[in-house]
């Protein structure tokens, strides 16, 4: 039996750690895996779990995200399904922007209360994972919990970056610590599977995915009216009072796309022979906007562990361990290595290309350890090479973070330019 759920997907704040990819768009609108956007992941998880009523809460740089959702997610007129955008708004009760995750849900609650549902699913808009939310909420019901938090086992290297839960033998959370100092970790081990124990993953980290019983979330808001954030305030308060807070251990693939390095690594991991995040699962597809593009066209290019999206025109010599986005144009004798090319939003005709640097990557270029945002124009004989030896810096057309060079959206790189080459 399907349970009655409604999902709230948090659109995130300014996304400064993903800058410059968030310079002109919100985090959930950032392109991923060549043809998708990050928001497609939680929405697809909902659709694959028969959760067809979703609110996306937005505030920062939301125009691109709004347009994508409007053009993508259409439901049958006889269906009760929807993906509605709830932007931060001034009301008689509040003239403030969203102050945090809990405050965003609290402010939008009147829009949700008119619907019939028993459970509230709260999701992030910037994570890469595949989860069956029906199993999640049924575990919540089985535990007779007020609130259930999805947790994932991590090792002592990763634990200090997360909120860590101490879980008892019955699956309930006793206590919580935000980003613990490594010296405190021995006190925060929880019961996990034998496989995770052997890998040293004995700490349970919050995934930022929650399910609340309907009446409970309203009660929490009333009890803690000044709490603005779920992870830092509302949930720790619930754990230390009389609420039953359960842990749902998730053993699948999950990564938080929090910064440029994690975004880069998560995309390149999709090129593995058997990637942990499965784009080719016919039972749990990732949905996105159908663009009706032609198939990719290539000429004499050597490929190794790469993803090439539809609508691309490629004459490169070699593309290795890279993600090539929609409508990409890559010229003759060019080499792409360990890079993300996001592609283009439209095609240029022959007349538009004459007398200028066309959109795409020109002839005889070398692109390595680089993210090329959409609609960039890279001339001929250009070398862009990221590396761990590079210091973080920002220029007019690109940013260097963690040794990765990120070309800004619409950047123009003149013929013969060399970036990141020492």
Protein backbone atom coordinates (compact mmCIF):
# COMPACT_ATOMS: atom_id res chain seq x y z
CA UNK A 1 0.00 0.00 0.00
CA UNK A 2 1.32 3.43 -0.98
CA UNK A 3 1.43 5.97 1.83
CA UNK A 4 0.28 9.56 1.40
CA UNK A 5 3.31 11.83 1.14
CA UNK A 6 4.15 15.31 0.01
CA UNK A 7 7.74 16.32 -0.79
CA UNK A 8 9.50 19.60 -0.11
CA UNK A 9 12.71 20.13 -2.08
CA UNK A 10 14.96 22.87 -0.74
CA UNK A 11 16.43 25.06 -3.47
CA UNK A 12 19.42 26.17 -1.40
CA UNK A 13 20.99 29.54 -0.73
CA UNK A 14 23.62 31.50 -2.63
CA UNK A 15 25.76 28.40 -3.29
CA UNK A 16 29.01 30.29 -2.82
CA UNK A 17 31.11 27.10 -2.63
CA UNK A 18 29.95 26.17 -6.14
CA UNK A 19 30.80 29.60 -7.56
CA UNK A 20 31.20 30.44 -10.47
CA UNK A 21 28.73 27.73 -11.55
CA UNK A 22 26.19 29.52 -9.32
CA UNK A 23 27.00 33.00 -10.56
CA UNK A 24 23.93 33.06 -12.83
CA UNK A 25 21.90 30.10 -11.50
CA UNK A 26 20.89 28.42 -8.25
CA UNK A 27 22.61 25.22 -7.11
CA UNK A 28 19.77 22.89 -8.15
CA UNK A 29 19.88 24.38 -11.66
CA UNK A 30 23.57 23.50 -12.21
CA UNK A 31 23.96 21.04 -15.14
CA UNK A 32 25.13 17.54 -14.24
CA UNK A 33 25.97 14.38 -16.23
CA UNK A 34 25.86 16.16 -19.58
CA UNK A 35 22.10 16.59 -20.01
CA UNK A 36 20.49 16.87 -16.57
CA UNK A 37 20.24 19.45 -13.82
CA UNK A 38 20.81 18.71 -10.12
CA UNK A 39 17.12 19.31 -9.38
CA UNK A 40 16.26 16.38 -11.67
CA UNK A 41 17.76 13.97 -9.12
CA UNK A 42 15.40 14.51 -6.15
CA UNK A 43 12.40 14.96 -8.47
CA UNK A 44 13.22 11.69 -10.26
CA UNK A 45 13.64 9.90 -6.92
CA UNK A 46 10.19 11.16 -5.95
CA UNK A 47 8.58 10.08 -9.23
CA UNK A 48 10.25 6.66 -9.06
CA UNK A 49 8.89 6.30 -5.50
CA UNK A 50 5.33 7.25 -6.50
CA UNK A 51 5.61 10.63 -4.76
CA UNK A 52 3.98 12.94 -7.27
CA UNK A 53 3.26 16.05 -5.23
CA UNK A 54 6.32 18.23 -4.82
CA UNK A 55 7.10 21.79 -3.78
CA UNK A 56 10.46 23.31 -4.74
CA UNK A 57 11.44 26.17 -2.43
CA UNK A 58 13.56 28.80 -4.17
CA UNK A 59 15.14 32.12 -3.28
CA UNK A 60 18.47 32.80 -4.98
CA UNK A 61 19.11 33.13 -8.76
CA UNK A 62 15.98 31.07 -9.39
CA UNK A 63 14.97 32.12 -12.94
CA UNK A 64 16.88 29.30 -14.67
CA UNK A 65 15.56 26.71 -12.20
CA UNK A 66 11.98 27.95 -12.55
CA UNK A 67 12.19 27.77 -16.34
CA UNK A 68 13.60 24.23 -16.27
CA UNK A 69 10.87 22.95 -13.95
CA UNK A 70 8.14 24.70 -15.95
CA UNK A 71 9.39 23.21 -19.24
CA UNK A 72 10.00 19.71 -17.87
CA UNK A 73 7.48 18.44 -15.35
CA UNK A 74 3.97 18.28 -16.79
CA UNK A 75 1.38 15.91 -15.35
CA UNK A 76 -1.78 14.44 -16.82
CA UNK A 77 -4.82 16.67 -16.29
CA UNK A 78 -6.51 13.80 -14.43
CA UNK A 79 -3.56 13.34 -12.11
CA UNK A 80 -3.16 15.03 -8.75
CA UNK A 81 0.58 15.29 -9.32
CA UNK A 82 2.48 18.58 -9.50
CA UNK A 83 5.88 20.18 -9.10
CA UNK A 84 5.15 23.67 -7.78
CA UNK A 85 7.71 26.39 -7.21
CA UNK A 86 7.38 28.34 -3.97
CA UNK A 87 9.60 31.41 -4.02
CA UNK A 88 10.48 33.40 -0.92
CA UNK A 89 7.81 36.05 -0.48
CA UNK A 90 6.88 38.85 1.86
CA UNK A 91 3.64 38.37 3.79
CA UNK A 92 1.80 40.15 6.58
CA UNK A 93 3.36 37.65 9.00
CA UNK A 94 6.93 38.06 7.73
CA UNK A 95 8.85 40.39 5.45
CA UNK A 96 12.06 38.36 5.67
CA UNK A 97 13.78 36.14 3.10
CA UNK A 98 14.21 32.49 4.07
CA UNK A 99 16.63 32.44 7.01
CA UNK A 100 17.43 28.71 6.79
CA UNK A 101 16.01 25.34 5.82
CA UNK A 102 13.47 25.12 8.64
CA UNK A 103 12.42 28.74 8.21
CA UNK A 104 11.83 28.14 4.49
CA UNK A 105 9.49 25.20 5.20
CA UNK A 106 7.78 27.12 8.02
CA UNK A 107 7.07 30.13 5.77
CA UNK A 108 5.68 27.93 2.98
CA UNK A 109 3.58 25.70 5.25
CA UNK A 110 0.27 27.48 4.49
CA UNK A 111 0.64 26.52 0.81
CA UNK A 112 1.07 22.85 1.77
CA UNK A 113 -1.55 22.60 4.49
CA UNK A 114 -4.39 22.76 1.95
CA UNK A 115 -3.33 19.32 0.65
CA UNK A 116 -4.22 15.93 2.09
CA UNK A 117 -1.15 13.99 3.26
CA UNK A 118 0.15 12.06 6.25
CA UNK A 119 3.90 12.51 5.91
CA UNK A 120 6.24 15.31 4.85
CA UNK A 121 9.41 14.39 2.98
CA UNK A 122 12.12 17.09 3.14
CA UNK A 123 14.88 16.82 0.52
CA UNK A 124 17.90 18.76 -0.65
CA UNK A 125 18.17 19.98 -4.23
CA UNK A 126 21.92 19.44 -4.63
CA UNK A 127 22.68 15.77 -3.94
CA UNK A 128 23.40 12.79 -6.17
CA UNK A 129 21.72 9.52 -5.07
CA UNK A 130 18.93 7.05 -5.86
CA UNK A 131 16.57 6.18 -2.99
CA UNK A 132 13.19 4.48 -2.68
CA UNK A 133 11.22 6.89 -0.52
CA UNK A 134 8.43 4.34 -0.03
CA UNK A 135 10.88 2.13 1.89
CA UNK A 136 12.05 5.17 3.81
CA UNK A 137 8.60 6.22 5.01
CA UNK A 138 7.50 2.63 5.73
CA UNK A 139 10.51 2.30 8.03
CA UNK A 140 9.41 5.55 9.68
CA UNK A 141 5.94 4.05 10.25
CA UNK A 142 7.39 0.75 11.49
CA UNK A 143 9.51 2.61 14.04
CA UNK A 144 6.49 4.66 15.15
CA UNK A 145 8.78 7.65 14.89
CA UNK A 146 7.89 11.32 14.93
CA UNK A 147 10.84 12.12 12.68
CA UNK A 148 13.20 9.87 10.74
CA UNK A 149 16.56 11.00 9.38
CA UNK A 150 18.29 9.25 6.51
CA UNK A 151 21.86 8.49 7.58
CA UNK A 152 24.84 7.06 5.76
CA UNK A 153 27.87 5.29 7.25
CA UNK A 154 31.13 7.26 6.90
CA UNK A 155 34.71 6.72 8.07
CA UNK A 156 36.80 8.87 10.42
CA UNK A 157 38.25 10.85 7.51
CA UNK A 158 34.84 12.04 6.32
CA UNK A 159 32.96 12.23 9.63
CA UNK A 160 34.23 15.71 10.69
CA UNK A 161 32.51 17.23 7.65
CA UNK A 162 29.02 16.03 8.66
CA UNK A 163 26.46 16.09 11.41
CA UNK A 164 27.01 12.74 13.19
CA UNK A 165 24.23 10.77 14.91
CA UNK A 166 24.64 8.39 17.85
CA UNK A 167 22.13 5.59 17.21
CA UNK A 168 21.06 2.94 19.71
CA UNK A 169 20.40 -0.75 19.00
CA UNK A 170 16.71 -0.12 18.27
CA UNK A 171 17.47 2.40 15.54
CA UNK A 172 16.68 5.60 17.48
CA UNK A 173 18.97 8.61 17.64
CA UNK A 174 20.22 9.39 21.16
CA UNK A 175 22.34 12.43 20.39
CA UNK A 176 23.75 14.57 17.60
CA UNK A 177 26.95 16.53 17.02
CA UNK A 178 27.65 18.94 14.18
CA UNK A 179 31.05 18.49 12.45
CA UNK A 180 32.83 16.81 15.39
CA UNK A 181 36.50 17.26 16.14
CA UNK A 182 38.42 14.06 15.19
CA UNK A 183 39.43 13.60 18.85
CA UNK A 184 35.75 13.12 19.79
CA UNK A 185 34.94 10.47 17.20
CA UNK A 186 35.52 7.33 19.36
CA UNK A 187 32.48 8.38 21.42
CA UNK A 188 30.24 8.59 18.34
CA UNK A 189 30.43 5.09 16.86
CA UNK A 190 27.08 3.46 16.01
CA UNK A 191 25.97 -0.05 15.07
CA UNK A 192 26.42 -0.61 11.32
CA UNK A 193 26.65 -3.60 8.99
CA UNK A 194 29.67 -5.91 9.04
CA UNK A 195 30.70 -4.67 5.60
CA UNK A 196 30.77 -1.06 6.81
CA UNK A 197 32.64 -2.07 9.96
CA UNK A 198 35.38 -3.69 7.89
CA UNK A 199 35.68 -0.44 5.89
CA UNK A 200 35.85 1.65 9.06
CA UNK A 201 32.51 3.30 8.33
CA UNK A 202 31.19 3.25 11.88
CA UNK A 203 29.83 6.80 12.09
CA UNK A 204 26.33 7.68 10.89
CA UNK A 205 26.15 11.00 9.06
CA UNK A 206 22.96 12.91 8.35
CA UNK A 207 22.13 13.01 4.63
CA UNK A 208 19.88 16.04 5.03
CA UNK A 209 16.87 13.88 4.05
CA UNK A 210 14.00 13.77 6.54
CA UNK A 211 10.47 12.42 6.89
CA UNK A 212 8.09 13.96 9.43
CA UNK A 213 4.68 12.82 10.50
CA UNK A 214 2.32 15.62 9.48
CA UNK A 215 1.28 16.85 12.92
CA UNK A 216 4.82 16.64 14.27
CA UNK A 217 6.43 19.17 11.94
CA UNK A 218 3.75 21.74 12.84
CA UNK A 219 4.24 21.00 16.53
CA UNK A 220 8.02 21.45 16.22
CA UNK A 221 7.56 24.79 14.51
CA UNK A 222 5.25 25.91 17.32
CA UNK A 223 7.58 24.63 20.06
CA UNK A 224 10.72 26.18 18.54
CA UNK A 225 9.53 29.33 16.73
CA UNK A 226 13.02 30.82 16.53
CA UNK A 227 14.70 27.75 14.99
CA UNK A 228 15.67 28.56 11.41
CA UNK A 229 17.68 25.47 10.38
CA UNK A 230 16.78 21.77 10.51
CA UNK A 231 20.27 20.34 10.95
CA UNK A 232 21.67 22.90 13.38
CA UNK A 233 18.64 23.76 15.52
CA UNK A 234 15.30 22.01 15.03
CA UNK A 235 16.48 18.40 14.80
CA UNK A 236 18.98 18.58 17.71
CA UNK A 237 16.17 20.11 19.80
CA UNK A 238 13.82 17.27 18.85
CA UNK A 239 16.46 14.65 19.74
CA UNK A 240 17.06 16.10 23.21
CA UNK A 241 13.36 16.37 24.10
CA UNK A 242 10.56 13.79 24.06
CA UNK A 243 10.32 13.20 20.30
CA UNK A 244 11.06 9.77 18.82
CA UNK A 245 13.75 10.37 16.21
CA UNK A 246 14.77 7.34 14.17
CA UNK A 247 17.73 6.68 11.88
CA UNK A 248 17.19 5.11 8.45
CA UNK A 249 20.53 3.65 7.40
CA UNK A 250 21.10 4.00 3.67
CA UNK A 251 23.83 1.88 2.11
CA UNK A 252 23.58 3.08 -1.49
CA UNK A 253 25.60 5.71 -3.31
CA UNK A 254 25.16 9.29 -2.09
CA UNK A 255 27.23 12.43 -2.47
CA UNK A 256 26.59 16.01 -1.51
CA UNK A 257 27.45 18.40 -4.35
CA UNK A 258 28.70 21.06 -1.97
CA UNK A 259 31.74 22.50 -3.73
CA UNK A 260 33.61 22.53 -7.04
CA UNK A 261 35.80 19.55 -6.12
CA UNK A 262 32.86 17.30 -5.16
CA UNK A 263 30.95 18.40 -8.27
CA UNK A 264 33.95 17.61 -10.47
CA UNK A 265 34.62 14.21 -8.90
CA UNK A 266 30.94 13.17 -8.93
CA UNK A 267 30.63 13.93 -12.65
CA UNK A 268 33.84 12.15 -13.62
CA UNK A 269 32.79 9.12 -11.53
CA UNK A 270 29.85 8.71 -13.92
CA UNK A 271 32.36 7.70 -16.62
CA UNK A 272 33.50 4.60 -14.68
CA UNK A 273 32.82 1.24 -16.32
CA UNK A 274 30.30 0.43 -13.58
CA UNK A 275 29.48 3.77 -11.94
CA UNK A 276 27.99 3.79 -8.46
CA UNK A 277 25.29 6.22 -9.63
CA UNK A 278 23.42 4.35 -12.35
CA UNK A 279 22.18 6.53 -15.21
CA UNK A 280 21.19 3.40 -17.14
CA UNK A 281 18.63 1.97 -14.69
CA UNK A 282 15.44 1.43 -16.70
CA UNK A 283 13.38 0.87 -13.53
CA UNK A 284 14.54 4.11 -11.89
CA UNK A 285 15.22 6.55 -14.72
CA UNK A 286 16.49 10.09 -14.23
CA UNK A 287 13.98 12.44 -15.80
CA UNK A 288 14.78 15.74 -17.47
CA UNK A 289 13.55 18.06 -20.18
CA UNK A 290 13.04 16.30 -23.57
CA UNK A 291 14.83 18.54 -26.06
CA UNK A 292 14.32 16.59 -29.32
CA UNK A 293 17.98 17.05 -30.28
CA UNK A 294 19.71 15.14 -33.09
CA UNK A 295 22.15 12.34 -32.19
CA UNK A 296 25.78 13.22 -31.52
CA UNK A 297 28.01 13.31 -34.62
CA UNK A 298 31.71 12.45 -34.40
CA UNK A 299 34.57 12.15 -36.86
CA UNK A 300 37.67 10.07 -36.11
CA UNK A 301 37.65 10.71 -32.35
CA UNK A 302 39.17 8.26 -29.85
CA UNK A 303 37.02 7.91 -26.72
CA UNK A 304 37.91 6.38 -23.36
CA UNK A 305 35.46 6.30 -20.44
CA UNK A 306 33.45 9.32 -21.51
CA UNK A 307 29.83 10.46 -21.70
CA UNK A 308 28.74 12.28 -24.85
CA UNK A 309 25.35 13.99 -24.89
CA UNK A 310 22.99 14.37 -27.82
CA UNK A 311 23.26 17.20 -30.30
CA UNK A 312 27.08 17.34 -30.12
CA UNK A 313 29.36 17.78 -33.15
CA UNK A 314 32.82 16.44 -32.37
CA UNK A 315 35.99 16.25 -34.48
CA UNK A 316 38.45 15.99 -31.61
CA UNK A 317 41.45 13.68 -31.67
CA UNK A 318 40.86 12.30 -28.20
CA UNK A 319 38.33 12.53 -25.35
CA UNK A 320 39.26 10.71 -22.13
CA UNK A 321 37.38 10.40 -18.82
CA UNK A 322 35.22 13.41 -19.60
CA UNK A 323 31.57 14.47 -19.66
CA UNK A 324 30.44 16.23 -22.84
CA UNK A 325 27.18 18.16 -22.55
CA UNK A 326 24.39 18.85 -25.02
CA UNK A 327 25.10 20.72 -28.29
CA UNK A 328 28.86 20.69 -27.65
CA UNK A 329 31.08 21.63 -30.58
CA UNK A 330 34.70 20.44 -30.40
CA UNK A 331 37.15 21.13 -33.21
CA UNK A 332 39.78 19.11 -35.08
CA UNK A 333 42.99 17.84 -33.37
CA UNK A 334 41.68 18.84 -29.92
CA UNK A 335 42.28 16.72 -26.80
CA UNK A 336 39.92 16.70 -23.80
CA UNK A 337 41.12 14.93 -20.64
CA UNK A 338 39.37 14.68 -17.24
CA UNK A 339 37.08 17.61 -17.96
CA UNK A 340 33.42 18.59 -17.92
CA UNK A 341 32.18 20.40 -21.02
CA UNK A 342 28.64 21.60 -20.26
CA UNK A 343 27.77 22.38 -23.88
CA UNK A 344 25.54 25.08 -25.29
CA UNK A 345 21.97 26.34 -24.92
CA UNK A 346 21.47 26.80 -28.69
CA UNK A 347 23.10 26.29 -32.08
CA UNK A 348 24.79 29.04 -34.07
CA UNK A 349 24.30 29.09 -37.82
CA UNK A 350 27.18 29.47 -40.30
CA UNK A 351 26.64 33.21 -40.71
CA UNK A 352 26.82 33.79 -36.96
CA UNK A 353 30.13 31.91 -36.74
CA UNK A 354 31.90 33.99 -39.41
CA UNK A 355 34.29 36.66 -38.21
CA UNK A 356 34.15 35.62 -34.54
CA UNK A 357 35.08 32.77 -32.21
CA UNK A 358 32.17 30.31 -32.46
CA UNK A 359 30.55 28.77 -29.41
CA UNK A 360 32.38 25.61 -28.42
CA UNK A 361 36.02 24.54 -28.47
CA UNK A 362 38.23 25.31 -31.44
CA UNK A 363 40.91 23.36 -33.30
CA UNK A 364 44.17 22.05 -31.81
CA UNK A 365 43.22 22.75 -28.18
CA UNK A 366 44.15 20.89 -25.01
CA UNK A 367 41.62 20.97 -22.14
CA UNK A 368 42.47 19.13 -18.90
CA UNK A 369 41.14 19.19 -15.30
CA UNK A 370 38.71 21.87 -16.38
CA UNK A 371 35.00 22.66 -16.18
CA UNK A 372 33.74 24.61 -19.19
CA UNK A 373 30.39 26.20 -18.36
CA UNK A 374 27.71 26.70 -21.02
CA UNK A 375 28.00 28.90 -24.11
CA UNK A 376 31.77 29.41 -23.83
CA UNK A 377 33.82 30.38 -26.89
CA UNK A 378 37.30 28.88 -26.97
CA UNK A 379 39.50 29.79 -29.94
CA UNK A 380 42.07 27.67 -31.79
CA UNK A 381 45.40 26.54 -30.25
CA UNK A 382 44.20 27.13 -26.68
CA UNK A 383 45.63 25.20 -23.70
CA UNK A 384 43.70 25.12 -20.40
CA UNK A 385 45.27 22.80 -17.88
CA UNK A 386 44.27 22.55 -14.22
CA UNK A 387 46.47 20.91 -11.60
CA UNK A 388 47.09 20.64 -7.87
CA UNK A 389 50.00 23.08 -8.12
CA UNK A 390 47.71 25.96 -9.10
CA UNK A 391 46.68 28.50 -6.48
CA UNK A 392 43.06 29.55 -6.10
CA UNK A 393 42.32 32.74 -8.03
CA UNK A 394 39.62 34.52 -10.00
CA UNK A 395 39.96 36.27 -13.37
CA UNK A 396 37.38 37.86 -15.66
CA UNK A 397 36.75 34.65 -17.59
CA UNK A 398 37.66 31.85 -15.18
CA UNK A 399 38.15 30.76 -11.58
CA UNK A 400 40.67 28.28 -10.15
CA UNK A 401 39.49 26.21 -7.15
CA UNK A 402 41.28 23.18 -5.71
CA UNK A 403 43.40 22.97 -8.85
CA UNK A 404 40.32 22.83 -11.11
CA UNK A 405 39.89 25.58 -13.69
CA UNK A 406 36.27 26.68 -14.18
CA UNK A 407 35.44 28.80 -17.21
CA UNK A 408 32.56 31.15 -16.46
CA UNK A 409 29.34 30.87 -18.44
CA UNK A 410 29.70 32.63 -21.80
CA UNK A 411 33.45 33.20 -21.40
CA UNK A 412 35.48 34.06 -24.51
CA UNK A 413 39.02 32.64 -24.66
CA UNK A 414 41.07 34.12 -27.52
CA UNK A 415 43.13 32.08 -29.99
CA UNK A 416 46.44 30.81 -28.63
CA UNK A 417 45.63 31.55 -24.97
CA UNK A 418 47.34 29.43 -22.29
CA UNK A 419 45.68 29.10 -18.88
CA UNK A 420 47.11 27.18 -15.94
CA UNK A 421 50.27 26.20 -17.81
CA UNK A 422 53.50 26.84 -15.90
